[in-house]
């Protein structure tokens, strides 16, 4: 069976737009040519890839599976072209780094300093976002490595822990919670909160911590999509929040203070994550080595060697 990357690219476009006519227009191809391409793929796999959906089309279950694999294959091919071009042109390498917000504050500045310190001609493209969102980009090959929360139990990735991140309840130093004779989880529910969205791992953990004790979840007055906004919000209000101790250290001037309570203290690991079956470029291997304290070794992390 012959598969052509061009056919897969056309298929991807049709799947993303949900309309053959619009896909043909975007690809600067005729609709019959696009239809013939889809038919070749359907003949190759022995199954329909699309079904009618009103005036457009939607993927069948087989089409959804092919779309995920096609993206991975195309990104691998793009990466191959990029690496060979860099080698041919004498470039030291370009590394695409995804970073969670806490890691962006604490690991990225150090990484950039190390990466530029010894004259290597590496270039970095950095995308900052929630770790859970960047994991899919890593799996699809859109980024080379992810700096943020380590991933456990995923056979498609390998995580190397670098540092511990402790997330705690915090408030401004003038918050009335500090006047309480005894602070408990129930005490914290007497106050309003500023928290990240429910799909952010730290927020989900906090809600679960209260639920597991048979308590209501915190009453959220401000919900922010950006974790970086939270310290500034609570510094000038009487709201509680849930932030990293590393973040608190960066905002000492804002007079923030930890609310000490073991039951609402989350301990987790920050590290660097790569694809388990991905081929890291020399530049990307060097970046991983720098993050793991192997600066200057020029070698891959131990569990990646020989891949």
C-alpha atoms as a PDB file:
ATOM      1  CA  UNK A   1       0.000   0.000   0.000  1.00  0.00           C
ATOM      2  CA  UNK A   2       1.431   3.356  -1.064  1.00  0.00           C
ATOM      3  CA  UNK A   3       0.699   6.274   1.244  1.00  0.00           C
ATOM      4  CA  UNK A   4       1.571   9.796   0.192  1.00  0.00           C
ATOM      5  CA  UNK A   5       2.138  12.593   2.690  1.00  0.00           C
ATOM      6  CA  UNK A   6       0.338  14.927   0.287  1.00  0.00           C
ATOM      7  CA  UNK A   7      -2.829  12.814   0.499  1.00  0.00           C
ATOM      8  CA  UNK A   8      -2.614  12.823   4.284  1.00  0.00           C
ATOM      9  CA  UNK A   9      -2.177  16.601   4.304  1.00  0.00           C
ATOM     10  CA  UNK A  10      -5.258  17.012   2.114  1.00  0.00           C
ATOM     11  CA  UNK A  11      -7.156  14.637   4.395  1.00  0.00           C
ATOM     12  CA  UNK A  12      -6.099  16.660   7.472  1.00  0.00           C
ATOM     13  CA  UNK A  13      -7.330  19.897   5.923  1.00  0.00           C
ATOM     14  CA  UNK A  14     -10.706  18.381   5.017  1.00  0.00           C
ATOM     15  CA  UNK A  15     -11.034  16.929   8.529  1.00  0.00           C
ATOM     16  CA  UNK A  16     -10.195  20.244  10.219  1.00  0.00           C
ATOM     17  CA  UNK A  17     -12.572  22.304   8.048  1.00  0.00           C
ATOM     18  CA  UNK A  18     -15.350  19.715   7.881  1.00  0.00           C
ATOM     19  CA  UNK A  19     -16.119  20.708   4.306  1.00  0.00           C
ATOM     20  CA  UNK A  20     -14.616  19.401   1.063  1.00  0.00           C
ATOM     21  CA  UNK A  21     -15.304  22.604  -0.882  1.00  0.00           C
ATOM     22  CA  UNK A  22     -13.610  24.843   1.675  1.00  0.00           C
ATOM     23  CA  UNK A  23     -10.693  22.421   1.976  1.00  0.00           C
ATOM     24  CA  UNK A  24     -10.214  22.362  -1.802  1.00  0.00           C
ATOM     25  CA  UNK A  25     -10.245  26.163  -1.877  1.00  0.00           C
ATOM     26  CA  UNK A  26      -7.685  26.420   0.922  1.00  0.00           C
ATOM     27  CA  UNK A  27      -5.442  23.862  -0.755  1.00  0.00           C
ATOM     28  CA  UNK A  28      -5.804  25.549  -4.176  1.00  0.00           C
ATOM     29  CA  UNK A  29      -7.057  22.269  -5.641  1.00  0.00           C
ATOM     30  CA  UNK A  30     -10.284  21.316  -7.377  1.00  0.00           C
ATOM     31  CA  UNK A  31     -12.920  19.563  -5.319  1.00  0.00           C
ATOM     32  CA  UNK A  32     -12.879  16.476  -7.610  1.00  0.00           C
ATOM     33  CA  UNK A  33      -9.105  16.195  -7.075  1.00  0.00           C
ATOM     34  CA  UNK A  34      -9.595  16.351  -3.298  1.00  0.00           C
ATOM     35  CA  UNK A  35     -12.408  13.796  -3.457  1.00  0.00           C
ATOM     36  CA  UNK A  36     -10.195  11.442  -5.456  1.00  0.00           C
ATOM     37  CA  UNK A  37      -7.471  11.804  -2.813  1.00  0.00           C
ATOM     38  CA  UNK A  38      -9.928  10.849  -0.051  1.00  0.00           C
ATOM     39  CA  UNK A  39     -11.128   7.896  -2.113  1.00  0.00           C
ATOM     40  CA  UNK A  40      -7.532   6.663  -2.480  1.00  0.00           C
ATOM     41  CA  UNK A  41      -7.136   6.709   1.283  1.00  0.00           C
ATOM     42  CA  UNK A  42     -10.480   4.992   1.848  1.00  0.00           C
ATOM     43  CA  UNK A  43      -9.531   2.280  -0.655  1.00  0.00           C
ATOM     44  CA  UNK A  44      -6.178   1.847   1.068  1.00  0.00           C
ATOM     45  CA  UNK A  45      -7.738   1.439   4.524  1.00  0.00           C
ATOM     46  CA  UNK A  46     -10.859  -0.364   3.377  1.00  0.00           C
ATOM     47  CA  UNK A  47     -13.192   1.925   5.291  1.00  0.00           C
ATOM     48  CA  UNK A  48     -15.019   5.260   4.902  1.00  0.00           C
ATOM     49  CA  UNK A  49     -13.190   8.161   6.537  1.00  0.00           C
ATOM     50  CA  UNK A  50     -15.988  10.760   6.371  1.00  0.00           C
ATOM     51  CA  UNK A  51     -19.743  10.829   6.683  1.00  0.00           C
ATOM     52  CA  UNK A  52     -22.220  13.541   5.801  1.00  0.00           C
ATOM     53  CA  UNK A  53     -23.008  16.112   8.498  1.00  0.00           C
ATOM     54  CA  UNK A  54     -25.541  18.653   7.264  1.00  0.00           C
ATOM     55  CA  UNK A  55     -23.843  20.612   4.490  1.00  0.00           C
ATOM     56  CA  UNK A  56     -20.426  19.427   5.541  1.00  0.00           C
ATOM     57  CA  UNK A  57     -18.708  16.238   6.591  1.00  0.00           C
ATOM     58  CA  UNK A  58     -17.413  14.725   9.829  1.00  0.00           C
ATOM     59  CA  UNK A  59     -14.938  11.966  10.548  1.00  0.00           C
ATOM     60  CA  UNK A  60     -15.936   8.371  11.090  1.00  0.00           C
ATOM     61  CA  UNK A  61     -14.212   6.556  13.996  1.00  0.00           C
ATOM     62  CA  UNK A  62     -11.663   5.217  11.492  1.00  0.00           C
ATOM     63  CA  UNK A  63     -11.147   8.762  10.193  1.00  0.00           C
ATOM     64  CA  UNK A  64     -10.558  10.072  13.720  1.00  0.00           C
ATOM     65  CA  UNK A  65      -7.896   7.441  14.298  1.00  0.00           C
ATOM     66  CA  UNK A  66      -6.229   8.238  10.977  1.00  0.00           C
ATOM     67  CA  UNK A  67      -6.240  11.978  11.747  1.00  0.00           C
ATOM     68  CA  UNK A  68      -4.286  11.469  14.972  1.00  0.00           C
ATOM     69  CA  UNK A  69      -1.747   9.212  13.239  1.00  0.00           C
ATOM     70  CA  UNK A  70      -1.517  11.496  10.192  1.00  0.00           C
ATOM     71  CA  UNK A  71      -0.634  14.508  12.362  1.00  0.00           C
ATOM     72  CA  UNK A  72       2.060  12.528  14.106  1.00  0.00           C
ATOM     73  CA  UNK A  73       3.481  11.278  10.800  1.00  0.00           C
ATOM     74  CA  UNK A  74       3.441  14.728   9.213  1.00  0.00           C
ATOM     75  CA  UNK A  75       5.111  16.331  12.228  1.00  0.00           C
ATOM     76  CA  UNK A  76       7.770  13.619  12.125  1.00  0.00           C
ATOM     77  CA  UNK A  77       8.367  14.320   8.446  1.00  0.00           C
ATOM     78  CA  UNK A  78       8.536  18.080   9.105  1.00  0.00           C
ATOM     79  CA  UNK A  79      11.020  17.466  11.907  1.00  0.00           C
ATOM     80  CA  UNK A  80      13.138  15.291   9.605  1.00  0.00           C
ATOM     81  CA  UNK A  81      13.300  18.031   6.991  1.00  0.00           C
ATOM     82  CA  UNK A  82      14.119  20.649   9.640  1.00  0.00           C
ATOM     83  CA  UNK A  83      16.939  18.645  11.203  1.00  0.00           C
ATOM     84  CA  UNK A  84      18.526  17.710   7.879  1.00  0.00           C
ATOM     85  CA  UNK A  85      18.319  21.322   6.663  1.00  0.00           C
ATOM     86  CA  UNK A  86      19.970  22.565   9.853  1.00  0.00           C
ATOM     87  CA  UNK A  87      22.725  19.989   9.499  1.00  0.00           C
ATOM     88  CA  UNK A  88      23.259  20.823   5.833  1.00  0.00           C
ATOM     89  CA  UNK A  89      23.433  24.555   6.566  1.00  0.00           C
ATOM     90  CA  UNK A  90      25.745  24.158   9.551  1.00  0.00           C
ATOM     91  CA  UNK A  91      23.253  25.313  12.176  1.00  0.00           C
ATOM     92  CA  UNK A  92      23.697  24.070  15.719  1.00  0.00           C
ATOM     93  CA  UNK A  93      19.984  23.408  16.059  1.00  0.00           C
ATOM     94  CA  UNK A  94      16.587  24.844  16.871  1.00  0.00           C
ATOM     95  CA  UNK A  95      14.671  23.491  19.865  1.00  0.00           C
ATOM     96  CA  UNK A  96      10.947  23.967  20.434  1.00  0.00           C
ATOM     97  CA  UNK A  97      10.257  24.129  24.167  1.00  0.00           C
ATOM     98  CA  UNK A  98       6.863  24.023  25.862  1.00  0.00           C
ATOM     99  CA  UNK A  99       6.728  25.286  29.441  1.00  0.00           C
ATOM    100  CA  UNK A 100       4.165  25.357  32.202  1.00  0.00           C
ATOM    101  CA  UNK A 101       3.709  28.713  33.978  1.00  0.00           C
ATOM    102  CA  UNK A 102       5.599  27.804  37.173  1.00  0.00           C
ATOM    103  CA  UNK A 103       8.508  26.340  35.212  1.00  0.00           C
ATOM    104  CA  UNK A 104       8.541  29.479  33.057  1.00  0.00           C
ATOM    105  CA  UNK A 105       9.280  31.530  36.174  1.00  0.00           C
ATOM    106  CA  UNK A 106      11.891  29.229  37.705  1.00  0.00           C
ATOM    107  CA  UNK A 107      13.485  26.923  35.147  1.00  0.00           C
ATOM    108  CA  UNK A 108      13.358  28.800  31.846  1.00  0.00           C
ATOM    109  CA  UNK A 109      15.543  31.770  32.869  1.00  0.00           C
ATOM    110  CA  UNK A 110      18.218  29.361  34.121  1.00  0.00           C
ATOM    111  CA  UNK A 111      17.890  27.234  30.984  1.00  0.00           C
ATOM    112  CA  UNK A 112      18.270  30.212  28.647  1.00  0.00           C
ATOM    113  CA  UNK A 113      21.338  31.392  30.562  1.00  0.00           C
ATOM    114  CA  UNK A 114      22.973  27.951  30.345  1.00  0.00           C
ATOM    115  CA  UNK A 115      22.019  27.443  26.704  1.00  0.00           C
ATOM    116  CA  UNK A 116      23.668  30.702  25.644  1.00  0.00           C
ATOM    117  CA  UNK A 117      26.635  30.625  28.026  1.00  0.00           C
ATOM    118  CA  UNK A 118      29.099  28.418  26.144  1.00  0.00           C
ATOM    119  CA  UNK A 119      28.750  29.715  22.613  1.00  0.00           C
ATOM    120  CA  UNK A 120      26.554  26.957  21.170  1.00  0.00           C
ATOM    121  CA  UNK A 121      24.489  28.252  18.278  1.00  0.00           C
ATOM    122  CA  UNK A 122      21.208  26.867  19.559  1.00  0.00           C
ATOM    123  CA  UNK A 123      18.001  28.772  19.070  1.00  0.00           C
ATOM    124  CA  UNK A 124      14.919  28.273  21.235  1.00  0.00           C
ATOM    125  CA  UNK A 125      11.227  28.717  20.475  1.00  0.00           C
ATOM    126  CA  UNK A 126       9.312  28.827  23.760  1.00  0.00           C
ATOM    127  CA  UNK A 127       5.573  28.307  24.184  1.00  0.00           C
ATOM    128  CA  UNK A 128       4.142  28.928  27.672  1.00  0.00           C
ATOM    129  CA  UNK A 129       0.827  27.351  28.623  1.00  0.00           C
ATOM    130  CA  UNK A 130      -0.838  24.842  30.937  1.00  0.00           C
ATOM    131  CA  UNK A 131       1.157  21.603  31.146  1.00  0.00           C
ATOM    132  CA  UNK A 132      -1.905  19.482  30.335  1.00  0.00           C
ATOM    133  CA  UNK A 133      -2.438  21.477  27.129  1.00  0.00           C
ATOM    134  CA  UNK A 134       1.203  21.208  26.035  1.00  0.00           C
ATOM    135  CA  UNK A 135       1.299  17.426  26.538  1.00  0.00           C
ATOM    136  CA  UNK A 136      -0.746  16.908  23.386  1.00  0.00           C
ATOM    137  CA  UNK A 137       1.617  19.166  21.437  1.00  0.00           C
ATOM    138  CA  UNK A 138       4.513  17.039  22.688  1.00  0.00           C
ATOM    139  CA  UNK A 139       2.840  13.772  21.678  1.00  0.00           C
ATOM    140  CA  UNK A 140       2.088  15.166  18.212  1.00  0.00           C
ATOM    141  CA  UNK A 141       5.658  16.394  17.758  1.00  0.00           C
ATOM    142  CA  UNK A 142       4.795  20.091  17.660  1.00  0.00           C
ATOM    143  CA  UNK A 143       7.275  20.730  20.493  1.00  0.00           C
ATOM    144  CA  UNK A 144      10.494  18.842  21.224  1.00  0.00           C
ATOM    145  CA  UNK A 145      10.308  18.833  25.007  1.00  0.00           C
ATOM    146  CA  UNK A 146       8.050  19.978  27.807  1.00  0.00           C
ATOM    147  CA  UNK A 147       9.219  21.689  30.987  1.00  0.00           C
ATOM    148  CA  UNK A 148       6.595  21.523  33.705  1.00  0.00           C
ATOM    149  CA  UNK A 149       4.723  18.956  35.740  1.00  0.00           C
ATOM    150  CA  UNK A 150       6.146  15.480  35.281  1.00  0.00           C
ATOM    151  CA  UNK A 151       3.901  12.898  33.635  1.00  0.00           C
ATOM    152  CA  UNK A 152       3.339   9.595  35.390  1.00  0.00           C
ATOM    153  CA  UNK A 153       1.985   6.385  33.876  1.00  0.00           C
ATOM    154  CA  UNK A 154       2.095   7.485  30.235  1.00  0.00           C
ATOM    155  CA  UNK A 155       4.024   4.988  28.064  1.00  0.00           C
ATOM    156  CA  UNK A 156       4.349   7.530  25.235  1.00  0.00           C
ATOM    157  CA  UNK A 157       6.479   9.946  27.281  1.00  0.00           C
ATOM    158  CA  UNK A 158       9.493   9.938  29.602  1.00  0.00           C
ATOM    159  CA  UNK A 159       9.755  12.477  32.433  1.00  0.00           C
ATOM    160  CA  UNK A 160      12.917  13.433  34.329  1.00  0.00           C
ATOM    161  CA  UNK A 161      12.154  15.160  37.666  1.00  0.00           C
ATOM    162  CA  UNK A 162      14.277  18.250  38.361  1.00  0.00           C
ATOM    163  CA  UNK A 163      12.802  20.010  41.374  1.00  0.00           C
ATOM    164  CA  UNK A 164       9.923  19.825  43.837  1.00  0.00           C
ATOM    165  CA  UNK A 165       7.068  22.291  43.574  1.00  0.00           C
ATOM    166  CA  UNK A 166       4.961  22.899  46.670  1.00  0.00           C
ATOM    167  CA  UNK A 167       1.581  24.585  46.181  1.00  0.00           C
ATOM    168  CA  UNK A 168      -0.024  26.255  49.199  1.00  0.00           C
ATOM    169  CA  UNK A 169      -2.908  28.474  50.208  1.00  0.00           C
ATOM    170  CA  UNK A 170      -1.805  32.105  50.308  1.00  0.00           C
ATOM    171  CA  UNK A 171      -3.219  35.552  50.986  1.00  0.00           C
ATOM    172  CA  UNK A 172      -2.149  39.115  51.618  1.00  0.00           C
ATOM    173  CA  UNK A 173      -0.503  39.641  55.004  1.00  0.00           C
ATOM    174  CA  UNK A 174      -3.467  41.772  56.105  1.00  0.00           C
ATOM    175  CA  UNK A 175      -6.030  39.055  55.339  1.00  0.00           C
ATOM    176  CA  UNK A 176      -8.345  38.385  58.327  1.00  0.00           C
ATOM    177  CA  UNK A 177      -7.674  34.644  58.106  1.00  0.00           C
ATOM    178  CA  UNK A 178      -4.409  35.299  59.964  1.00  0.00           C
ATOM    179  CA  UNK A 179      -6.413  36.649  62.925  1.00  0.00           C
ATOM    180  CA  UNK A 180      -8.174  33.294  63.352  1.00  0.00           C
ATOM    181  CA  UNK A 181      -7.205  31.505  66.587  1.00  0.00           C
ATOM    182  CA  UNK A 182      -7.006  28.202  64.703  1.00  0.00           C
ATOM    183  CA  UNK A 183      -6.988  27.712  60.932  1.00  0.00           C
ATOM    184  CA  UNK A 184      -8.743  24.626  59.551  1.00  0.00           C
ATOM    185  CA  UNK A 185     -10.111  23.651  56.173  1.00  0.00           C
ATOM    186  CA  UNK A 186     -13.553  24.752  57.348  1.00  0.00           C
ATOM    187  CA  UNK A 187     -12.074  28.119  58.306  1.00  0.00           C
ATOM    188  CA  UNK A 188     -10.829  28.599  54.745  1.00  0.00           C
ATOM    189  CA  UNK A 189     -14.358  28.080  53.417  1.00  0.00           C
ATOM    190  CA  UNK A 190     -15.495  31.209  55.277  1.00  0.00           C
ATOM    191  CA  UNK A 191     -13.605  33.350  52.754  1.00  0.00           C
ATOM    192  CA  UNK A 192     -13.786  33.995  49.004  1.00  0.00           C
ATOM    193  CA  UNK A 193     -11.062  32.727  46.670  1.00  0.00           C
ATOM    194  CA  UNK A 194      -9.235  33.639  43.475  1.00  0.00           C
ATOM    195  CA  UNK A 195      -8.341  30.416  41.669  1.00  0.00           C
ATOM    196  CA  UNK A 196      -7.348  29.078  38.260  1.00  0.00           C
ATOM    197  CA  UNK A 197      -9.863  27.280  36.032  1.00  0.00           C
ATOM    198  CA  UNK A 198     -11.184  23.890  37.234  1.00  0.00           C
ATOM    199  CA  UNK A 199      -9.218  21.982  34.556  1.00  0.00           C
ATOM    200  CA  UNK A 200      -5.883  23.231  35.928  1.00  0.00           C
ATOM    201  CA  UNK A 201      -4.301  20.348  37.923  1.00  0.00           C
ATOM    202  CA  UNK A 202      -3.643  22.376  41.092  1.00  0.00           C
ATOM    203  CA  UNK A 203      -7.257  23.624  41.190  1.00  0.00           C
ATOM    204  CA  UNK A 204      -8.588  20.095  40.629  1.00  0.00           C
ATOM    205  CA  UNK A 205      -6.390  18.814  43.484  1.00  0.00           C
ATOM    206  CA  UNK A 206      -7.578  21.558  45.850  1.00  0.00           C
ATOM    207  CA  UNK A 207     -11.256  20.916  45.127  1.00  0.00           C
ATOM    208  CA  UNK A 208     -10.704  17.199  45.670  1.00  0.00           C
ATOM    209  CA  UNK A 209      -8.901  17.840  48.981  1.00  0.00           C
ATOM    210  CA  UNK A 210     -12.004  19.582  50.332  1.00  0.00           C
ATOM    211  CA  UNK A 211     -14.422  17.053  48.819  1.00  0.00           C
ATOM    212  CA  UNK A 212     -12.505  14.124  50.324  1.00  0.00           C
ATOM    213  CA  UNK A 213     -13.087  15.647  53.774  1.00  0.00           C
ATOM    214  CA  UNK A 214     -16.828  15.891  53.123  1.00  0.00           C
ATOM    215  CA  UNK A 215     -16.619  19.671  52.757  1.00  0.00           C
ATOM    216  CA  UNK A 216     -17.828  22.068  50.108  1.00  0.00           C
ATOM    217  CA  UNK A 217     -15.318  23.278  47.565  1.00  0.00           C
ATOM    218  CA  UNK A 218     -13.950  26.843  47.900  1.00  0.00           C
ATOM    219  CA  UNK A 219     -16.226  29.683  46.878  1.00  0.00           C
ATOM    220  CA  UNK A 220     -14.525  31.289  43.871  1.00  0.00           C
ATOM    221  CA  UNK A 221     -15.072  35.001  43.362  1.00  0.00           C
ATOM    222  CA  UNK A 222     -12.400  35.400  40.677  1.00  0.00           C
ATOM    223  CA  UNK A 223     -11.465  32.625  38.246  1.00  0.00           C
ATOM    224  CA  UNK A 224      -8.412  33.300  36.085  1.00  0.00           C
ATOM    225  CA  UNK A 225      -7.117  31.421  33.061  1.00  0.00           C
ATOM    226  CA  UNK A 226      -3.625  32.723  33.873  1.00  0.00           C
ATOM    227  CA  UNK A 227      -1.992  31.438  37.073  1.00  0.00           C
ATOM    228  CA  UNK A 228       0.491  34.311  36.869  1.00  0.00           C
ATOM    229  CA  UNK A 229      -2.320  36.798  37.591  1.00  0.00           C
ATOM    230  CA  UNK A 230      -3.290  35.266  40.931  1.00  0.00           C
ATOM    231  CA  UNK A 231      -0.543  36.688  43.207  1.00  0.00           C
ATOM    232  CA  UNK A 232      -1.235  40.253  42.071  1.00  0.00           C
ATOM    233  CA  UNK A 233      -4.970  39.741  42.535  1.00  0.00           C
ATOM    234  CA  UNK A 234      -4.742  38.542  46.124  1.00  0.00           C
ATOM    235  CA  UNK A 235      -2.097  41.108  47.102  1.00  0.00           C
ATOM    236  CA  UNK A 236      -4.652  43.923  46.967  1.00  0.00           C
ATOM    237  CA  UNK A 237      -7.787  42.004  48.039  1.00  0.00           C
ATOM    238  CA  UNK A 238      -9.005  39.810  50.864  1.00  0.00           C
ATOM    239  CA  UNK A 239      -9.138  36.736  48.668  1.00  0.00           C
ATOM    240  CA  UNK A 240      -7.403  33.432  49.269  1.00  0.00           C
ATOM    241  CA  UNK A 241      -5.565  31.627  46.486  1.00  0.00           C
ATOM    242  CA  UNK A 242      -3.549  28.471  45.788  1.00  0.00           C
ATOM    243  CA  UNK A 243      -0.083  29.185  44.421  1.00  0.00           C
ATOM    244  CA  UNK A 244       3.401  27.727  44.273  1.00  0.00           C
ATOM    245  CA  UNK A 245       5.858  28.603  47.023  1.00  0.00           C
ATOM    246  CA  UNK A 246       8.276  29.484  44.224  1.00  0.00           C
ATOM    247  CA  UNK A 247       5.760  32.048  43.019  1.00  0.00           C
ATOM    248  CA  UNK A 248       5.378  33.465  46.518  1.00  0.00           C
ATOM    249  CA  UNK A 249       9.129  34.030  46.659  1.00  0.00           C
ATOM    250  CA  UNK A 250       8.924  36.097  43.472  1.00  0.00           C
ATOM    251  CA  UNK A 251       6.211  38.298  44.997  1.00  0.00           C
ATOM    252  CA  UNK A 252       7.729  39.103  48.379  1.00  0.00           C
ATOM    253  CA  UNK A 253       7.273  42.791  47.600  1.00  0.00           C
ATOM    254  CA  UNK A 254       3.521  42.219  47.333  1.00  0.00           C
ATOM    255  CA  UNK A 255       3.372  41.232  50.996  1.00  0.00           C
ATOM    256  CA  UNK A 256       1.942  37.785  50.398  1.00  0.00           C
ATOM    257  CA  UNK A 257       1.926  35.141  53.095  1.00  0.00           C
ATOM    258  CA  UNK A 258       1.373  31.391  53.179  1.00  0.00           C
ATOM    259  CA  UNK A 259      -1.606  30.050  55.121  1.00  0.00           C
ATOM    260  CA  UNK A 260       0.054  27.068  56.856  1.00  0.00           C
ATOM    261  CA  UNK A 261      -2.142  23.974  56.662  1.00  0.00           C
ATOM    262  CA  UNK A 262      -0.844  20.500  55.831  1.00  0.00           C
ATOM    263  CA  UNK A 263      -4.183  19.303  54.417  1.00  0.00           C
ATOM    264  CA  UNK A 264      -4.067  21.967  51.707  1.00  0.00           C
ATOM    265  CA  UNK A 265      -0.398  21.586  50.792  1.00  0.00           C
ATOM    266  CA  UNK A 266       0.283  19.930  47.424  1.00  0.00           C
ATOM    267  CA  UNK A 267       3.719  18.471  46.701  1.00  0.00           C
ATOM    268  CA  UNK A 268       4.551  17.624  43.097  1.00  0.00           C
ATOM    269  CA  UNK A 269       7.513  17.389  40.728  1.00  0.00           C
ATOM    270  CA  UNK A 270       8.618  19.717  37.970  1.00  0.00           C
ATOM    271  CA  UNK A 271      10.852  18.310  35.278  1.00  0.00           C
ATOM    272  CA  UNK A 272      11.489  17.845  31.585  1.00  0.00           C
ATOM    273  CA  UNK A 273       9.408  15.440  29.505  1.00  0.00           C
ATOM    274  CA  UNK A 274      10.209  14.026  26.058  1.00  0.00           C
ATOM    275  CA  UNK A 275       8.502  11.552  23.738  1.00  0.00           C
ATOM    276  CA  UNK A 276       9.393   7.966  24.624  1.00  0.00           C
ATOM    277  CA  UNK A 277       9.844   6.951  20.996  1.00  0.00           C
ATOM    278  CA  UNK A 278      10.949  10.308  19.648  1.00  0.00           C
ATOM    279  CA  UNK A 279      14.355  10.966  18.160  1.00  0.00           C
ATOM    280  CA  UNK A 280      15.823  14.009  19.884  1.00  0.00           C
ATOM    281  CA  UNK A 281      18.089  16.238  17.859  1.00  0.00           C
ATOM    282  CA  UNK A 282      21.591  16.883  19.267  1.00  0.00           C
ATOM    283  CA  UNK A 283      20.461  20.380  20.267  1.00  0.00           C
ATOM    284  CA  UNK A 284      17.401  19.040  22.090  1.00  0.00           C
ATOM    285  CA  UNK A 285      19.491  16.362  23.821  1.00  0.00           C
ATOM    286  CA  UNK A 286      21.853  19.064  25.007  1.00  0.00           C
ATOM    287  CA  UNK A 287      18.966  21.120  26.415  1.00  0.00           C
ATOM    288  CA  UNK A 288      17.657  18.080  28.299  1.00  0.00           C
ATOM    289  CA  UNK A 289      21.170  17.465  29.613  1.00  0.00           C
ATOM    290  CA  UNK A 290      21.450  21.051  30.811  1.00  0.00           C
ATOM    291  CA  UNK A 291      18.160  20.777  32.653  1.00  0.00           C
ATOM    292  CA  UNK A 292      19.275  17.541  34.290  1.00  0.00           C
ATOM    293  CA  UNK A 293      22.588  18.993  35.408  1.00  0.00           C
ATOM    294  CA  UNK A 294      24.666  17.418  32.634  1.00  0.00           C
ATOM    295  CA  UNK A 295      25.751  20.669  31.042  1.00  0.00           C
ATOM    296  CA  UNK A 296      28.630  20.310  28.631  1.00  0.00           C
ATOM    297  CA  UNK A 297      28.349  16.532  28.354  1.00  0.00           C
ATOM    298  CA  UNK A 298      26.887  16.677  24.851  1.00  0.00           C
ATOM    299  CA  UNK A 299      25.144  13.374  25.545  1.00  0.00           C
ATOM    300  CA  UNK A 300      21.570  12.266  25.795  1.00  0.00           C
ATOM    301  CA  UNK A 301      19.969  11.548  29.172  1.00  0.00           C
ATOM    302  CA  UNK A 302      20.918   8.070  30.299  1.00  0.00           C
ATOM    303  CA  UNK A 303      17.573   6.398  29.561  1.00  0.00           C
ATOM    304  CA  UNK A 304      17.523   7.958  26.085  1.00  0.00           C
ATOM    305  CA  UNK A 305      20.970   6.784  25.004  1.00  0.00           C
ATOM    306  CA  UNK A 306      20.935   4.164  22.356  1.00  0.00           C
ATOM    307  CA  UNK A 307      17.422   5.041  21.201  1.00  0.00           C
END
